N, C-alpha and C. Protein backbone atom coordinates (compact mmCIF):
# COMPACT_ATOMS: atom_id res chain seq x y z
N MET A 1 103.83 97.45 138.71
CA MET A 1 103.79 97.27 139.95
C MET A 1 102.77 98.15 140.49
N ILE A 2 102.03 99.27 140.42
CA ILE A 2 100.89 99.70 140.58
C ILE A 2 99.41 98.56 140.06
N ASP A 3 99.89 98.53 139.22
CA ASP A 3 98.69 97.35 138.71
C ASP A 3 98.20 96.23 139.73
N LEU A 4 99.35 95.51 140.19
CA LEU A 4 99.58 94.67 141.47
C LEU A 4 98.88 94.82 142.26
N ALA A 5 99.56 96.22 142.89
CA ALA A 5 98.78 96.93 143.76
C ALA A 5 97.45 96.94 143.72
N LEU A 6 96.99 97.43 142.99
CA LEU A 6 95.55 97.71 142.60
C LEU A 6 94.86 96.00 142.95
N HIS A 7 94.97 95.38 142.20
CA HIS A 7 94.94 93.85 142.48
C HIS A 7 94.60 93.40 143.40
N ARG A 8 96.10 93.20 143.88
CA ARG A 8 95.83 92.86 145.11
C ARG A 8 94.21 93.32 146.38
N VAL A 9 94.58 94.70 146.06
CA VAL A 9 93.56 95.45 146.97
C VAL A 9 91.78 95.09 146.37
N GLY A 10 92.31 94.70 145.51
CA GLY A 10 90.80 94.26 145.50
C GLY A 10 90.00 94.85 144.13
N VAL A 11 90.65 95.80 143.29
CA VAL A 11 90.16 97.08 142.16
C VAL A 11 90.45 95.85 140.92
N ARG A 12 89.22 96.49 140.46
CA ARG A 12 88.82 95.44 139.05
C ARG A 12 88.43 96.47 138.16
N SER A 13 89.75 95.99 137.18
CA SER A 13 89.17 96.62 135.73
C SER A 13 87.80 97.72 135.57
N THR A 14 86.78 96.61 136.19
CA THR A 14 85.31 97.13 135.42
C THR A 14 85.39 98.52 137.11
N HIS A 15 85.52 98.28 137.69
CA HIS A 15 85.95 99.74 138.31
C HIS A 15 86.43 100.97 138.22
N LEU A 16 87.76 100.50 137.61
CA LEU A 16 88.28 101.58 136.62
C LEU A 16 87.46 102.45 135.35
N HIS A 17 87.05 101.18 134.73
CA HIS A 17 86.65 101.83 133.87
C HIS A 17 85.24 103.00 133.85
N VAL A 18 84.45 102.13 135.35
CA VAL A 18 83.42 102.53 135.63
C VAL A 18 83.63 103.76 136.21
N ALA A 19 84.27 104.59 136.76
CA ALA A 19 85.08 105.33 136.91
C ALA A 19 85.97 106.00 135.99
N SER A 20 86.17 105.73 134.90
CA SER A 20 86.76 106.61 133.73
C SER A 20 85.13 107.16 133.63
N MET A 21 84.08 106.86 132.92
CA MET A 21 82.86 107.29 132.52
C MET A 21 82.48 107.62 133.54
N GLY A 22 82.49 108.15 134.71
CA GLY A 22 81.97 109.24 135.44
C GLY A 22 82.47 109.97 136.07
N ALA A 23 84.14 110.17 135.60
CA ALA A 23 84.94 111.33 135.27
C ALA A 23 84.30 112.22 134.23
N VAL A 24 84.30 111.56 133.03
CA VAL A 24 83.86 112.32 132.21
C VAL A 24 82.47 113.02 131.97
N ALA A 25 81.52 111.97 132.85
CA ALA A 25 80.13 112.95 133.57
C ALA A 25 80.10 114.03 133.57
N LEU A 26 81.06 114.12 134.91
CA LEU A 26 81.53 114.26 136.35
C LEU A 26 82.34 115.84 134.99
N CYS A 27 83.07 115.51 133.78
CA CYS A 27 83.34 117.54 134.11
C CYS A 27 82.57 117.71 133.10
N ILE A 28 81.39 116.39 132.70
CA ILE A 28 80.07 117.21 131.29
C ILE A 28 79.71 118.04 132.17
N MET A 29 79.42 117.53 133.42
CA MET A 29 78.83 118.21 134.29
C MET A 29 79.40 119.69 135.24
N LEU A 30 80.38 119.86 135.11
CA LEU A 30 80.97 121.62 135.49
C LEU A 30 81.40 122.11 134.33
N TRP A 31 82.08 121.51 133.06
CA TRP A 31 81.46 122.61 131.98
C TRP A 31 80.68 123.08 131.90
N ILE A 32 79.28 122.84 131.93
CA ILE A 32 77.87 122.87 131.86
C ILE A 32 77.68 124.08 132.95
N ARG A 33 78.12 124.15 134.19
CA ARG A 33 77.72 124.50 135.47
C ARG A 33 78.89 125.95 135.43
N ALA A 34 80.26 125.65 134.57
CA ALA A 34 80.97 127.31 134.47
C ALA A 34 80.38 128.16 133.70
N LYS A 35 79.62 127.67 132.86
CA LYS A 35 78.38 128.01 132.01
C LYS A 35 77.63 129.11 132.55
N THR A 36 76.39 128.65 133.86
CA THR A 36 76.28 129.17 134.23
C THR A 36 76.98 130.56 135.90
N VAL A 37 78.45 130.50 136.10
CA VAL A 37 79.06 130.92 137.40
C VAL A 37 78.82 132.54 136.39
N ASP A 38 79.05 133.73 137.28
CA ASP A 38 79.39 134.64 137.01
C ASP A 38 80.87 134.62 136.40
N GLN A 39 81.17 135.39 135.51
CA GLN A 39 82.13 136.10 134.95
C GLN A 39 83.46 136.00 135.68
N GLU A 40 83.17 136.18 136.62
CA GLU A 40 84.65 137.07 137.63
C GLU A 40 85.68 135.32 138.05
N GLN A 41 84.06 134.23 138.19
CA GLN A 41 84.23 132.80 138.88
C GLN A 41 84.01 131.69 137.08
N ARG A 42 84.13 132.21 135.81
CA ARG A 42 84.20 131.08 134.82
C ARG A 42 85.51 130.48 134.54
N GLY A 43 86.96 131.17 134.69
CA GLY A 43 87.56 130.55 134.64
C GLY A 43 88.06 129.90 135.44
N ASN A 44 88.21 129.89 137.48
CA ASN A 44 88.34 128.31 138.12
C ASN A 44 87.21 127.70 137.44
N ALA A 45 86.38 127.62 137.19
CA ALA A 45 85.14 126.82 136.86
C ALA A 45 85.98 125.75 135.72
N GLU A 46 86.54 126.28 135.15
CA GLU A 46 86.01 126.01 133.78
C GLU A 46 87.99 124.85 134.10
N ARG A 47 88.74 125.36 134.34
CA ARG A 47 90.19 125.32 135.24
C ARG A 47 89.90 123.92 135.72
N ARG A 48 89.07 123.78 136.53
CA ARG A 48 88.26 122.78 137.50
C ARG A 48 87.78 121.50 136.58
N ALA A 49 86.75 122.23 135.53
CA ALA A 49 85.98 121.62 134.60
C ALA A 49 87.41 119.95 133.74
N LEU A 50 88.50 120.76 133.42
CA LEU A 50 89.09 120.64 132.19
C LEU A 50 90.56 119.88 133.52
N PHE A 51 90.31 120.24 134.47
CA PHE A 51 91.47 118.77 135.69
C PHE A 51 90.72 117.90 134.85
N VAL A 52 89.57 117.75 136.02
CA VAL A 52 88.27 116.22 135.41
C VAL A 52 88.59 115.38 134.70
N GLY A 53 88.60 116.62 133.51
CA GLY A 53 88.56 116.01 132.47
C GLY A 53 90.24 114.95 131.99
N LEU A 54 90.59 115.25 132.18
CA LEU A 54 92.18 114.64 132.50
C LEU A 54 92.06 113.21 132.65
N TRP A 55 91.37 112.74 133.42
CA TRP A 55 91.30 111.63 134.62
C TRP A 55 90.65 110.74 133.63
N PRO A 56 89.81 110.66 132.94
CA PRO A 56 89.30 109.76 132.18
C PRO A 56 90.52 108.32 131.02
N PRO A 57 91.57 109.28 130.45
CA PRO A 57 92.27 108.36 129.69
C PRO A 57 93.28 107.28 131.18
N THR A 58 93.53 108.52 131.67
CA THR A 58 94.34 107.82 133.19
C THR A 58 94.09 106.34 133.78
N LEU A 59 92.38 106.73 133.77
CA LEU A 59 92.02 105.49 134.18
C LEU A 59 91.61 104.58 133.37
N TRP A 60 90.72 105.28 132.08
CA TRP A 60 90.86 103.18 131.55
C TRP A 60 92.00 102.72 131.05
N LEU A 61 92.78 103.14 131.19
CA LEU A 61 93.94 102.79 130.85
C LEU A 61 95.20 101.57 131.99
N MET A 62 94.78 102.43 133.51
CA MET A 62 94.60 101.39 134.39
C MET A 62 93.87 100.34 134.27
N GLY A 63 92.45 100.58 133.98
CA GLY A 63 91.95 99.89 134.58
C GLY A 63 92.09 98.41 132.98
N ASP A 64 92.28 98.92 132.02
CA ASP A 64 93.03 98.31 130.71
C ASP A 64 94.57 96.92 131.14
N SER A 65 95.00 97.89 132.35
CA SER A 65 96.23 96.60 132.31
C SER A 65 95.69 96.06 133.86
N LEU A 66 95.21 96.53 134.16
CA LEU A 66 94.22 95.54 135.79
C LEU A 66 93.29 94.04 134.78
N ARG A 67 92.68 94.81 133.12
CA ARG A 67 91.91 93.66 132.97
C ARG A 67 92.99 92.62 132.17
N ASP A 68 94.13 92.87 132.00
CA ASP A 68 94.93 92.34 130.56
C ASP A 68 96.40 91.00 132.10
N ARG A 69 95.72 91.52 133.67
CA ARG A 69 95.88 90.72 134.89
C ARG A 69 95.59 89.88 134.83
N GLU A 70 94.34 89.43 134.90
CA GLU A 70 93.16 88.98 135.40
C GLU A 70 92.72 88.09 134.86
């Protein structure tokens, strides 16, 4: 159902696969940045990196489902 809506809007599997890889890069950058902030803010920075790190599998699987529709 969601894949049909995304397909109608014009989102293609390549878009979601690129977004997935971008989320991996963003997670790594946020994790590195978390190591440079002071101890008081480090917990929030690490949680932010972990939160972004949960996106890639979802985006990749949504891209796979759109690829099957194309």
